[in-house]
Protein backbone atom coordinates (compact mmCIF):
# COMPACT_ATOMS: atom_id res chain seq x y z
CA MET A 1 0.00 0.00 0.00
CA TYR A 2 1.15 3.53 -0.82
CA ALA A 3 0.83 6.54 1.51
CA VAL A 4 1.31 10.00 0.02
CA ALA A 5 1.76 13.21 2.02
CA SER A 6 -1.15 15.34 0.83
CA CYS A 7 -2.32 18.95 0.97
CA GLY A 8 -5.97 17.92 0.91
CA ASP A 9 -8.56 15.19 0.91
CA GLY A 10 -8.84 12.99 -2.18
CA PRO A 11 -6.80 11.66 -5.10
CA GLU A 12 -6.50 14.99 -6.92
CA ALA A 13 -4.94 16.86 -3.99
CA MET A 14 -1.38 18.04 -4.43
CA VAL A 15 1.59 16.34 -2.77
CA ALA A 16 2.33 18.25 0.44
CA ASP A 17 5.54 20.21 0.83
CA ARG A 18 6.43 18.38 4.08
CA PHE A 19 5.83 14.79 5.15
CA GLY A 20 5.38 14.98 8.91
CA ARG A 21 3.26 18.12 8.79
CA ALA A 22 1.12 17.17 5.80
CA GLN A 23 -2.59 17.84 6.40
CA PHE A 24 -3.62 14.42 5.08
CA PHE A 25 -2.22 11.13 3.88
CA ALA A 26 -3.75 9.61 0.75
CA PHE A 27 -3.69 5.81 0.57
CA PHE A 28 -3.57 3.78 -2.63
CA ASP A 29 -3.49 0.03 -3.22
CA GLU A 30 -0.64 -1.75 -4.99
CA ALA A 31 -2.28 -1.20 -8.39
CA GLY A 32 -2.58 2.56 -7.80
CA ALA A 33 -6.31 2.71 -6.99
CA PHE A 34 -7.24 5.40 -4.47
CA LEU A 35 -8.54 3.94 -1.21
CA ARG A 36 -8.99 6.80 1.26
CA SER A 37 -7.54 9.94 2.79
CA VAL A 38 -6.74 10.14 6.49
CA LYS A 39 -6.30 13.41 8.38
CA ASN A 40 -2.84 13.77 9.90
CA ASP A 41 -3.46 14.79 13.51
CA SER A 42 0.28 15.11 14.11
CA SER A 43 0.58 17.97 11.60
CA SER A 44 0.37 20.53 14.42
CA ALA A 45 2.55 18.66 16.94
CA ALA A 46 5.20 20.80 18.63
CA HIS A 47 7.82 18.07 18.25
CA GLY A 48 8.09 14.64 16.68
CA ALA A 49 5.58 15.13 13.87
CA GLY A 50 7.59 12.90 11.51
CA GLY A 51 7.65 9.92 13.83
CA GLN A 52 3.97 10.35 14.65
CA ALA A 53 3.14 10.59 10.95
CA VAL A 54 4.96 7.31 10.32
CA ALA A 55 2.83 5.69 13.04
CA VAL A 56 -0.29 6.89 11.18
CA ILE A 57 0.72 5.45 7.82
CA ALA A 58 2.04 2.22 9.38
CA SER A 59 -1.27 1.69 11.20
CA GLU A 60 -3.02 1.90 7.82
CA GLY A 61 -0.71 -0.77 6.37
CA ALA A 62 1.49 1.41 4.13
CA LYS A 63 4.76 -0.10 2.91
CA VAL A 64 5.71 2.81 0.62
CA ALA A 65 5.69 6.50 1.55
CA ILE A 66 5.80 9.31 -1.00
CA GLY A 67 6.61 12.92 -0.16
CA PRO A 68 8.98 15.73 -1.03
CA GLN A 69 11.45 15.02 1.77
CA PHE A 70 11.63 13.16 5.07
CA GLY A 71 13.19 14.28 8.33
CA VAL A 72 15.56 12.13 10.36
CA ASN A 73 12.88 10.99 12.82
CA ALA A 74 10.57 9.91 10.01
CA GLU A 75 13.43 8.21 8.19
CA SER A 76 14.53 6.15 11.19
CA ALA A 77 10.93 5.18 12.04
CA MET A 78 10.28 4.13 8.44
CA LYS A 79 13.48 2.12 8.22
CA ALA A 80 12.59 0.37 11.50
CA GLY A 81 9.11 -0.39 10.16
CA GLY A 82 10.24 -1.59 6.73
CA ILE A 83 8.65 1.34 4.89
CA SER A 84 10.37 2.59 1.72
CA ALA A 85 10.37 6.29 0.79
CA PHE A 86 10.24 7.98 -2.60
CA SER A 87 10.53 11.67 -3.46
CA ALA A 88 7.77 13.54 -5.33
CA SER A 89 6.56 17.14 -5.49
CA GLY A 90 4.63 19.46 -7.79
CA CYS A 91 2.02 16.88 -8.79
CA THR A 92 -1.18 15.34 -7.48
CA VAL A 93 -1.01 12.41 -5.10
CA SER A 94 -2.55 10.19 -7.78
CA GLU A 95 0.12 11.23 -10.29
CA ALA A 96 2.84 10.58 -7.71
CA VAL A 97 1.65 7.01 -7.17
CA SER A 98 1.43 6.40 -10.92
CA GLN A 99 4.98 7.70 -11.35
CA CYS A 100 6.20 5.52 -8.47
CA ILE A 101 4.62 2.39 -9.95
CA ALA A 102 6.21 3.19 -13.32
CA GLY A 103 9.65 3.57 -11.71
CA GLY A 104 9.81 7.32 -12.28
CA LEU A 105 10.41 8.50 -8.70
CA LYS A 106 13.73 8.61 -6.86
CA LYS A 107 13.96 6.10 -4.03
CA LEU A 108 15.34 7.77 -0.93
CA PHE A 109 15.59 4.68 1.30
């Protein structure tokens, strides 16, 4: 399952400019079909938003995260949880997943 840091609710929302503080996470199945959006309650956390955001996507079953960049806390939590990360920006969350499936996104870890 794919989790994409999102600026809004739904498959046509833009990829957020930050992972841990994204307003929503959009979830897609392995074939790229949109499943749901989940509000990121950790977006306003004073500290540790990245690690909390990883807990949100992990609880939904995500194995791949897509966002513009990932902080050190998010990176270590994802590595510990077996979640891969890919970089995307300037497109919709649906486009980002399509690009990832096609091999067009840079794998960060």
